[in-house]
N, C-alpha and C. Protein backbone atom coordinates (compact mmCIF):
# COMPACT_ATOMS: atom_id res chain seq x y z
N UNK A 1 -34.97 84.17 3.85
CA UNK A 1 -34.50 82.88 4.30
C UNK A 1 -33.66 82.25 3.20
N UNK A 2 -32.46 81.79 3.55
CA UNK A 2 -31.56 81.17 2.59
C UNK A 2 -31.79 79.67 2.54
N UNK A 3 -31.58 79.12 1.37
CA UNK A 3 -31.67 77.67 1.21
C UNK A 3 -30.35 77.06 1.67
N UNK A 4 -30.43 76.13 2.61
CA UNK A 4 -29.22 75.44 3.07
C UNK A 4 -28.87 74.35 2.09
N UNK A 5 -27.58 74.18 1.86
CA UNK A 5 -27.13 73.09 1.00
C UNK A 5 -27.33 71.77 1.72
N UNK A 6 -27.71 70.72 0.99
CA UNK A 6 -27.88 69.43 1.66
C UNK A 6 -26.55 68.89 2.17
N UNK A 7 -26.60 68.19 3.26
CA UNK A 7 -25.41 67.55 3.83
C UNK A 7 -24.94 66.46 2.87
N UNK A 8 -23.65 66.40 2.55
CA UNK A 8 -23.18 65.33 1.65
C UNK A 8 -23.38 63.95 2.28
N UNK A 9 -23.61 62.95 1.43
CA UNK A 9 -23.84 61.59 1.91
C UNK A 9 -22.60 61.00 2.57
N UNK A 10 -21.42 61.42 2.11
CA UNK A 10 -20.16 60.91 2.65
C UNK A 10 -19.26 62.09 2.98
N UNK A 11 -18.80 62.15 4.21
CA UNK A 11 -17.90 63.23 4.61
C UNK A 11 -16.44 62.83 4.44
N UNK A 12 -16.12 61.55 4.66
CA UNK A 12 -14.76 61.04 4.54
C UNK A 12 -14.76 59.92 3.50
N UNK A 13 -14.38 60.27 2.28
CA UNK A 13 -14.45 59.29 1.19
C UNK A 13 -13.54 58.10 1.41
N UNK A 14 -12.47 58.26 2.14
CA UNK A 14 -11.60 57.12 2.43
C UNK A 14 -12.32 56.04 3.22
N UNK A 15 -13.36 56.40 3.94
CA UNK A 15 -14.09 55.43 4.76
C UNK A 15 -14.99 54.50 3.94
N UNK A 16 -15.21 54.81 2.66
CA UNK A 16 -16.07 53.95 1.85
C UNK A 16 -15.29 52.92 1.03
N UNK A 17 -13.96 53.02 1.03
CA UNK A 17 -13.15 52.06 0.28
C UNK A 17 -13.40 50.66 0.84
N UNK A 18 -13.62 49.71 -0.05
CA UNK A 18 -13.89 48.30 0.24
C UNK A 18 -15.27 48.07 0.86
N UNK A 19 -16.16 49.07 0.82
CA UNK A 19 -17.52 48.90 1.32
C UNK A 19 -18.41 48.44 0.16
N UNK A 20 -19.41 47.63 0.50
CA UNK A 20 -20.35 47.14 -0.50
C UNK A 20 -21.25 48.27 -0.99
N UNK A 21 -21.69 48.13 -2.24
CA UNK A 21 -22.54 49.13 -2.88
C UNK A 21 -23.85 48.48 -3.31
N UNK A 22 -24.94 49.20 -3.08
CA UNK A 22 -26.26 48.78 -3.54
C UNK A 22 -26.88 49.89 -4.37
N UNK A 23 -27.67 49.47 -5.35
CA UNK A 23 -28.40 50.43 -6.19
C UNK A 23 -29.67 50.86 -5.46
N UNK A 24 -30.35 51.85 -6.02
CA UNK A 24 -31.59 52.35 -5.41
C UNK A 24 -32.64 51.25 -5.25
N UNK A 25 -32.65 50.29 -6.17
CA UNK A 25 -33.61 49.19 -6.08
C UNK A 25 -33.04 48.01 -5.30
N UNK A 26 -32.06 48.28 -4.44
CA UNK A 26 -31.48 47.34 -3.46
C UNK A 26 -30.70 46.19 -4.06
N UNK A 27 -30.29 46.30 -5.31
CA UNK A 27 -29.48 45.25 -5.93
C UNK A 27 -28.01 45.42 -5.50
N UNK A 28 -27.36 44.33 -5.08
CA UNK A 28 -25.93 44.42 -4.75
C UNK A 28 -25.13 44.63 -6.04
N UNK A 29 -24.18 45.56 -5.99
CA UNK A 29 -23.44 45.91 -7.20
C UNK A 29 -21.99 45.47 -7.13
N UNK A 30 -21.40 45.45 -5.96
CA UNK A 30 -20.00 45.13 -5.78
C UNK A 30 -19.45 45.93 -4.63
N UNK A 31 -18.19 46.34 -4.74
CA UNK A 31 -17.58 47.13 -3.67
C UNK A 31 -16.76 48.27 -4.27
N UNK A 32 -16.53 49.30 -3.47
CA UNK A 32 -15.74 50.44 -3.93
C UNK A 32 -14.26 50.10 -3.81
N UNK A 33 -13.58 50.12 -4.95
CA UNK A 33 -12.15 49.80 -4.99
C UNK A 33 -11.30 51.03 -4.79
N UNK A 34 -11.77 52.19 -5.27
CA UNK A 34 -11.01 53.42 -5.13
C UNK A 34 -11.92 54.61 -5.36
N UNK A 35 -11.37 55.78 -5.07
CA UNK A 35 -12.10 57.03 -5.31
C UNK A 35 -11.10 58.10 -5.69
N UNK A 36 -11.57 59.10 -6.40
CA UNK A 36 -10.75 60.26 -6.69
C UNK A 36 -11.61 61.50 -6.46
N UNK A 37 -11.20 62.61 -6.97
CA UNK A 37 -11.91 63.86 -6.71
C UNK A 37 -13.36 63.83 -7.18
N UNK A 38 -13.65 63.14 -8.29
CA UNK A 38 -14.97 63.18 -8.89
C UNK A 38 -15.72 61.85 -8.93
N UNK A 39 -15.01 60.73 -8.86
CA UNK A 39 -15.63 59.43 -9.12
C UNK A 39 -15.30 58.40 -8.05
N UNK A 40 -16.16 57.36 -8.00
CA UNK A 40 -15.83 56.14 -7.27
C UNK A 40 -15.71 55.02 -8.29
N UNK A 41 -14.81 54.10 -8.05
CA UNK A 41 -14.63 52.94 -8.91
C UNK A 41 -15.20 51.74 -8.18
N UNK A 42 -16.20 51.11 -8.80
CA UNK A 42 -16.87 49.96 -8.20
C UNK A 42 -16.47 48.72 -8.96
N UNK A 43 -16.03 47.69 -8.22
CA UNK A 43 -15.72 46.39 -8.82
C UNK A 43 -16.83 45.43 -8.47
N UNK A 44 -17.31 44.71 -9.48
CA UNK A 44 -18.41 43.77 -9.31
C UNK A 44 -17.93 42.36 -9.59
N UNK A 45 -18.67 41.38 -9.08
CA UNK A 45 -18.34 39.99 -9.44
C UNK A 45 -18.35 39.84 -10.96
N UNK A 46 -17.49 39.00 -11.47
CA UNK A 46 -17.39 38.82 -12.91
C UNK A 46 -16.50 39.86 -13.57
N UNK A 47 -15.70 40.55 -12.78
CA UNK A 47 -14.72 41.52 -13.27
C UNK A 47 -15.34 42.74 -13.97
N UNK A 48 -16.59 43.06 -13.63
CA UNK A 48 -17.17 44.29 -14.17
C UNK A 48 -16.69 45.47 -13.32
N UNK A 49 -16.48 46.59 -13.99
CA UNK A 49 -16.05 47.81 -13.31
C UNK A 49 -16.98 48.94 -13.70
N UNK A 50 -17.29 49.78 -12.72
CA UNK A 50 -18.14 50.94 -12.94
C UNK A 50 -17.45 52.18 -12.40
N UNK A 51 -17.46 53.26 -13.17
CA UNK A 51 -16.92 54.54 -12.74
C UNK A 51 -18.12 55.48 -12.59
N UNK A 52 -18.47 55.76 -11.32
CA UNK A 52 -19.70 56.48 -11.01
C UNK A 52 -19.36 57.84 -10.40
N UNK A 53 -19.96 58.91 -10.91
CA UNK A 53 -19.74 60.22 -10.30
C UNK A 53 -20.22 60.23 -8.84
N UNK A 54 -19.44 60.85 -7.98
CA UNK A 54 -19.75 60.88 -6.55
C UNK A 54 -21.13 61.44 -6.21
N UNK A 55 -21.66 62.40 -6.97
CA UNK A 55 -23.00 62.90 -6.61
C UNK A 55 -24.10 61.83 -6.64
N UNK A 56 -23.84 60.67 -7.26
CA UNK A 56 -24.83 59.60 -7.28
C UNK A 56 -24.84 58.79 -5.98
N UNK A 57 -23.91 59.05 -5.08
CA UNK A 57 -23.93 58.39 -3.77
C UNK A 57 -24.99 59.10 -2.93
N UNK A 58 -26.01 58.32 -2.58
CA UNK A 58 -27.16 58.88 -1.87
C UNK A 58 -27.03 58.74 -0.35
N UNK A 59 -26.39 57.63 0.09
CA UNK A 59 -26.28 57.40 1.53
C UNK A 59 -25.15 56.42 1.81
N UNK A 60 -24.68 56.47 3.06
CA UNK A 60 -23.66 55.55 3.56
C UNK A 60 -24.01 55.27 5.01
N UNK A 61 -24.26 54.00 5.32
CA UNK A 61 -24.69 53.65 6.69
C UNK A 61 -23.55 53.11 7.56
N UNK A 62 -22.32 53.24 7.08
CA UNK A 62 -21.17 52.75 7.81
C UNK A 62 -20.68 51.41 7.30
N UNK A 63 -21.55 50.65 6.65
CA UNK A 63 -21.13 49.37 6.09
C UNK A 63 -21.48 49.22 4.61
N UNK A 64 -22.47 49.97 4.15
CA UNK A 64 -22.89 49.90 2.75
C UNK A 64 -23.09 51.30 2.19
N UNK A 65 -22.79 51.42 0.90
CA UNK A 65 -23.00 52.66 0.17
C UNK A 65 -24.23 52.45 -0.73
N UNK A 66 -25.10 53.44 -0.75
CA UNK A 66 -26.32 53.36 -1.55
C UNK A 66 -26.29 54.43 -2.63
N UNK A 67 -26.56 54.01 -3.86
CA UNK A 67 -26.58 54.93 -4.99
C UNK A 67 -28.01 55.38 -5.27
N UNK A 68 -28.14 56.52 -5.94
CA UNK A 68 -29.46 56.98 -6.36
C UNK A 68 -29.80 56.49 -7.76
N UNK A 69 -29.11 55.46 -8.22
CA UNK A 69 -29.30 54.86 -9.54
C UNK A 69 -29.90 53.47 -9.39
N UNK A 70 -30.76 53.08 -10.31
CA UNK A 70 -31.28 51.72 -10.32
C UNK A 70 -30.32 50.83 -11.09
N UNK A 71 -30.41 49.52 -10.83
CA UNK A 71 -29.49 48.57 -11.45
C UNK A 71 -29.50 48.71 -12.97
N UNK A 72 -30.66 48.90 -13.57
CA UNK A 72 -30.77 49.03 -15.02
C UNK A 72 -30.06 50.24 -15.59
N UNK A 73 -29.75 51.22 -14.77
CA UNK A 73 -29.06 52.42 -15.23
C UNK A 73 -27.54 52.27 -15.19
N UNK A 74 -27.04 51.22 -14.59
CA UNK A 74 -25.60 51.10 -14.37
C UNK A 74 -24.79 50.87 -15.64
N UNK A 75 -25.41 50.39 -16.70
CA UNK A 75 -24.65 50.12 -17.93
C UNK A 75 -23.97 51.37 -18.47
N UNK A 76 -24.54 52.56 -18.24
CA UNK A 76 -23.91 53.78 -18.76
C UNK A 76 -22.63 54.13 -18.03
N UNK A 77 -22.39 53.52 -16.86
CA UNK A 77 -21.17 53.79 -16.09
C UNK A 77 -20.16 52.65 -16.15
N UNK A 78 -20.49 51.62 -16.91
CA UNK A 78 -19.61 50.46 -17.01
C UNK A 78 -18.37 50.81 -17.83
N UNK A 79 -17.22 50.35 -17.33
CA UNK A 79 -15.95 50.53 -18.04
C UNK A 79 -15.70 49.28 -18.86
N UNK A 80 -15.47 49.45 -20.14
CA UNK A 80 -15.22 48.29 -21.02
C UNK A 80 -13.78 47.87 -20.98
């Protein structure tokens, strides 16, 4: 029996642009401003920006994107 690869959380990355983002602990983070082959760029209130690798996107319900990261972990992805 072969192990099936998990279904990706997002099939069409263009559909997440301008969608709100929440962390695993349900904290609102901002919205997705852009995406490229490997990352999503999240803009937060107060002009904070985060560059997060796409594999951290855990789910997308059509209106919100959910990360597998907690709010306290986001500082490592902050762009100065």
